[in-house]
Amino acid sequence: AQSLKSFIELLTTLPTEEIDAHLPRHDFSRSIDDVFRDGTLAASLRAIESQTDDARATVQAIAKAIRARYETSSE
C-alpha cells in the first residue's frame, strides 16, 4: 500500500484466513513501522493485533486506530 487509506482498503478486503495468518506475526503493525515510519501507531496496532481472536474485529480496530491518528474532523 502506498498510502494509509489504501492500506485500510486492502486490509478490510483480506479474507479472514489471510488476516489470521498475518496477526500472530504482527505483520500489520510492522508494515506501519517499516513503510510509514510511524512507531507510535505501530505500537498501538501491535497491542490490537494481540488482543483478540476475532480477525474481523481486529481489522476494524486497526482501521479505527489509523483513522483516529490521521483523519481530522470536518469541524
C-alpha atoms as a PDB file:
ATOM      1  CA  ALA A   1       0.000   0.000   0.000  1.00  0.00           C
ATOM      2  CA  GLN A   2       1.303   3.437  -0.887  1.00  0.00           C
ATOM      3  CA  SER A   3      -0.949   5.340   1.489  1.00  0.00           C
ATOM      4  CA  LEU A   4      -2.668   4.646   4.774  1.00  0.00           C
ATOM      5  CA  LYS A   5      -6.011   4.964   3.022  1.00  0.00           C
ATOM      6  CA  SER A   6      -5.082   2.196   0.582  1.00  0.00           C
ATOM      7  CA  PHE A   7      -3.626   0.184   3.492  1.00  0.00           C
ATOM      8  CA  ILE A   8      -7.022   0.275   5.224  1.00  0.00           C
ATOM      9  CA  GLU A   9      -8.839  -0.591   1.993  1.00  0.00           C
ATOM     10  CA  LEU A  10      -6.595  -3.588   1.369  1.00  0.00           C
ATOM     11  CA  LEU A  11      -6.791  -4.697   4.977  1.00  0.00           C
ATOM     12  CA  THR A  12     -10.574  -4.656   5.066  1.00  0.00           C
ATOM     13  CA  THR A  13     -10.842  -6.756   1.904  1.00  0.00           C
ATOM     14  CA  LEU A  14      -8.485  -9.533   3.000  1.00  0.00           C
ATOM     15  CA  PRO A  15     -10.071 -12.930   3.550  1.00  0.00           C
ATOM     16  CA  THR A  16     -10.256 -13.994   7.195  1.00  0.00           C
ATOM     17  CA  GLU A  17      -7.726 -16.791   6.620  1.00  0.00           C
ATOM     18  CA  GLU A  18      -5.126 -14.296   5.425  1.00  0.00           C
ATOM     19  CA  ILE A  19      -5.780 -11.959   8.344  1.00  0.00           C
ATOM     20  CA  ASP A  20      -5.370 -14.886  10.735  1.00  0.00           C
ATOM     21  CA  ALA A  21      -2.015 -15.706   9.125  1.00  0.00           C
ATOM     22  CA  HIS A  22      -0.706 -12.152   9.493  1.00  0.00           C
ATOM     23  CA  LEU A  23      -1.868 -11.367  13.039  1.00  0.00           C
ATOM     24  CA  PRO A  24       0.463 -13.673  15.024  1.00  0.00           C
ATOM     25  CA  ARG A  25       3.461 -12.272  13.135  1.00  0.00           C
ATOM     26  CA  HIS A  26       2.329  -8.668  13.754  1.00  0.00           C
ATOM     27  CA  ASP A  27       2.646  -8.006  10.030  1.00  0.00           C
ATOM     28  CA  PHE A  28       0.248  -5.069  10.021  1.00  0.00           C
ATOM     29  CA  SER A  29       1.999  -3.132  12.777  1.00  0.00           C
ATOM     30  CA  ARG A  30       5.376  -3.986  11.253  1.00  0.00           C
ATOM     31  CA  SER A  31       4.225  -2.582   7.911  1.00  0.00           C
ATOM     32  CA  ILE A  32       3.155   0.661   9.559  1.00  0.00           C
ATOM     33  CA  ASP A  33       6.524   0.927  11.277  1.00  0.00           C
ATOM     34  CA  ASP A  34       8.658  -0.098   8.274  1.00  0.00           C
ATOM     35  CA  VAL A  35       6.770   1.539   5.409  1.00  0.00           C
ATOM     36  CA  PHE A  36       5.127   4.552   7.006  1.00  0.00           C
ATOM     37  CA  ARG A  37       7.731   5.100   9.774  1.00  0.00           C
ATOM     38  CA  ASP A  38       5.143   5.639  12.482  1.00  0.00           C
ATOM     39  CA  GLY A  39       6.424   3.820  15.538  1.00  0.00           C
ATOM     40  CA  THR A  40       3.725   5.235  17.799  1.00  0.00           C
ATOM     41  CA  LEU A  41       0.915   3.958  15.609  1.00  0.00           C
ATOM     42  CA  ALA A  42       2.744   0.663  15.102  1.00  0.00           C
ATOM     43  CA  ALA A  43       2.914   0.141  18.868  1.00  0.00           C
ATOM     44  CA  SER A  44      -0.826   0.754  19.150  1.00  0.00           C
ATOM     45  CA  LEU A  45      -1.540  -1.675  16.342  1.00  0.00           C
ATOM     46  CA  ARG A  46       0.766  -4.289  17.875  1.00  0.00           C
ATOM     47  CA  ALA A  47      -1.360  -4.208  21.014  1.00  0.00           C
ATOM     48  CA  ILE A  48      -4.544  -4.528  18.947  1.00  0.00           C
ATOM     49  CA  GLU A  49      -3.104  -7.471  16.997  1.00  0.00           C
ATOM     50  CA  SER A  50      -2.530  -9.287  20.301  1.00  0.00           C
ATOM     51  CA  GLN A  51      -5.935  -8.626  21.874  1.00  0.00           C
ATOM     52  CA  THR A  52      -8.474 -10.798  20.120  1.00  0.00           C
ATOM     53  CA  ASP A  53      -9.064 -13.992  18.199  1.00  0.00           C
ATOM     54  CA  ASP A  54     -11.724 -12.340  16.034  1.00  0.00           C
ATOM     55  CA  ALA A  55      -9.952 -11.363  12.811  1.00  0.00           C
ATOM     56  CA  ARG A  56     -12.700  -9.041  11.560  1.00  0.00           C
ATOM     57  CA  ALA A  57     -12.937  -7.206  14.879  1.00  0.00           C
ATOM     58  CA  THR A  58      -9.167  -6.814  14.896  1.00  0.00           C
ATOM     59  CA  VAL A  59      -9.174  -5.383  11.369  1.00  0.00           C
ATOM     60  CA  GLN A  60     -11.882  -2.914  12.326  1.00  0.00           C
ATOM     61  CA  ALA A  61      -9.921  -1.859  15.418  1.00  0.00           C
ATOM     62  CA  ILE A  62      -6.765  -1.384  13.342  1.00  0.00           C
ATOM     63  CA  ALA A  63      -8.631   0.708  10.761  1.00  0.00           C
ATOM     64  CA  LYS A  64     -10.208   2.789  13.532  1.00  0.00           C
ATOM     65  CA  ALA A  65      -6.810   3.415  15.157  1.00  0.00           C
ATOM     66  CA  ILE A  66      -5.291   4.539  11.849  1.00  0.00           C
ATOM     67  CA  ARG A  67      -8.208   6.853  11.120  1.00  0.00           C
ATOM     68  CA  ALA A  68      -8.125   8.295  14.632  1.00  0.00           C
ATOM     69  CA  ARG A  69      -4.445   9.119  14.259  1.00  0.00           C
ATOM     70  CA  TYR A  70      -4.579  10.690  10.808  1.00  0.00           C
ATOM     71  CA  GLU A  71      -8.038  11.853   9.872  1.00  0.00           C
ATOM     72  CA  THR A  72      -9.231  15.217  11.036  1.00  0.00           C
ATOM     73  CA  SER A  73     -12.795  16.167  11.662  1.00  0.00           C
ATOM     74  CA  SER A  74     -14.593  18.486   9.279  1.00  0.00           C
ATOM     75  CA  GLU A  75     -15.311  20.921  12.091  1.00  0.00           C
END
